[in-house]
Amino acid sequence: MKINEIKLGISNVSIEGKVIDISETRDVQTKYGRRSVADALIEDETGQITLSLWQDQINRVSMGDKVKISGAFITQFRDELRLSIPRSGKIEVIKE
């Protein structure tokens, strides 16, 4: 799937892209307690989307990495579509 094909409510998304920015990590209160989260901006040749990185996912990627994401789902936060990776999903850095 390409970024420009992403729509709200889609699940089991598999996508590849390059990490072009990562926000500072922040702590938020969730229904599961306090969790660390950071936002990564990823892009492919069709566009950009924000990827929410939770807990141990944060340290798996760095700016400039090409990543492959599978099993993700699409949410909306502040009128912006976002990729989220559930526990059953996967993010991996692709060696070029």
Protein backbone atom coordinates (compact mmCIF):
# COMPACT_ATOMS: atom_id res chain seq x y z
CA MET A 1 0.00 0.00 0.00
CA LYS A 2 1.14 3.56 -0.68
CA ILE A 3 0.63 6.48 1.70
CA ASN A 4 -1.77 8.26 -0.67
CA GLU A 5 -4.08 5.19 -0.57
CA ILE A 6 -4.53 5.33 3.21
CA LYS A 7 -8.05 6.03 4.49
CA LEU A 8 -9.52 6.28 7.99
CA GLY A 9 -10.64 2.93 9.40
CA ILE A 10 -8.35 0.71 7.34
CA SER A 11 -6.62 -2.03 9.32
CA ASN A 12 -3.91 -4.61 8.65
CA VAL A 13 -1.92 -2.01 6.68
CA SER A 14 1.48 -2.95 5.27
CA ILE A 15 3.61 -0.05 4.10
CA GLU A 16 7.22 0.94 3.48
CA GLY A 17 8.66 4.41 3.89
CA LYS A 18 11.55 6.52 5.05
CA VAL A 19 11.61 8.14 8.51
CA ILE A 20 12.16 11.85 7.90
CA ASP A 21 11.46 13.21 11.40
CA ILE A 22 10.93 11.94 14.96
CA SER A 23 9.46 14.05 17.75
CA GLU A 24 10.65 14.18 21.31
CA THR A 25 9.34 11.34 23.49
CA ARG A 26 6.53 12.37 25.81
CA ASP A 27 4.54 10.58 28.51
CA VAL A 28 0.78 10.35 28.13
CA GLN A 29 -1.98 8.88 30.26
CA THR A 30 -3.80 6.03 28.49
CA LYS A 31 -6.40 3.52 29.58
CA TYR A 32 -3.42 1.21 30.23
CA GLY A 33 -1.62 3.75 32.46
CA ARG A 34 1.23 6.13 31.65
CA ARG A 35 3.02 5.33 28.38
CA SER A 36 5.85 6.89 26.40
CA VAL A 37 5.03 7.95 22.85
CA ALA A 38 6.83 9.70 19.99
CA ASP A 39 5.65 10.67 16.52
CA ALA A 40 7.65 9.67 13.45
CA LEU A 41 6.95 11.26 10.09
CA ILE A 42 7.38 8.73 7.30
CA GLU A 43 7.19 9.28 3.57
CA ASP A 44 7.13 7.39 0.32
CA GLU A 45 6.94 8.71 -3.24
CA THR A 46 3.19 9.44 -2.82
CA GLY A 47 3.08 11.38 0.46
CA GLN A 48 3.71 11.54 4.19
CA ILE A 49 1.95 10.21 7.30
CA THR A 50 2.59 10.36 11.03
CA LEU A 51 3.40 7.07 12.74
CA SER A 52 2.77 6.77 16.49
CA LEU A 53 5.67 4.96 18.18
CA TRP A 54 4.89 3.54 21.63
CA GLN A 55 7.26 2.37 24.36
CA ASP A 56 9.95 0.03 22.92
CA GLN A 57 9.05 0.96 19.31
CA ILE A 58 10.56 4.41 19.89
CA ASN A 59 14.16 3.18 20.05
CA ARG A 60 13.83 0.79 17.10
CA VAL A 61 13.98 3.51 14.43
CA SER A 62 16.09 6.57 13.67
CA MET A 63 15.81 9.45 11.25
CA GLY A 64 16.79 8.36 7.77
CA ASP A 65 15.85 4.69 8.32
CA LYS A 66 13.79 2.92 5.69
CA VAL A 67 11.11 0.97 7.54
CA LYS A 68 8.62 -1.76 6.73
CA ILE A 69 5.44 -1.69 8.80
CA SER A 70 2.91 -4.50 8.83
CA GLY A 71 -0.34 -5.11 10.69
CA ALA A 72 -0.88 -1.39 11.34
CA PHE A 73 -4.20 0.45 11.51
CA ILE A 74 -5.29 3.98 10.68
CA THR A 75 -6.63 6.43 13.25
CA GLN A 76 -7.39 10.12 13.21
CA PHE A 77 -6.08 12.63 15.76
CA ARG A 78 -6.70 16.37 15.43
CA ASP A 79 -8.00 15.91 11.86
CA GLU A 80 -4.80 14.12 10.83
CA LEU A 81 -4.59 10.50 9.70
CA ARG A 82 -2.04 8.48 11.66
CA LEU A 83 -0.54 5.01 11.50
CA SER A 84 -0.54 2.96 14.70
CA ILE A 85 1.09 -0.41 15.24
CA PRO A 86 -0.70 -2.77 17.64
CA ARG A 87 1.12 -5.43 19.66
CA SER A 88 0.36 -7.91 16.87
CA GLY A 89 1.89 -5.55 14.27
CA LYS A 90 5.51 -5.20 13.30
CA ILE A 91 8.03 -2.49 12.42
CA GLU A 92 11.42 -3.35 11.00
CA VAL A 93 14.31 -1.37 9.58
CA ILE A 94 15.18 -2.38 6.03
CA LYS A 95 18.84 -2.49 5.10
CA GLU A 96 19.40 -0.92 1.71
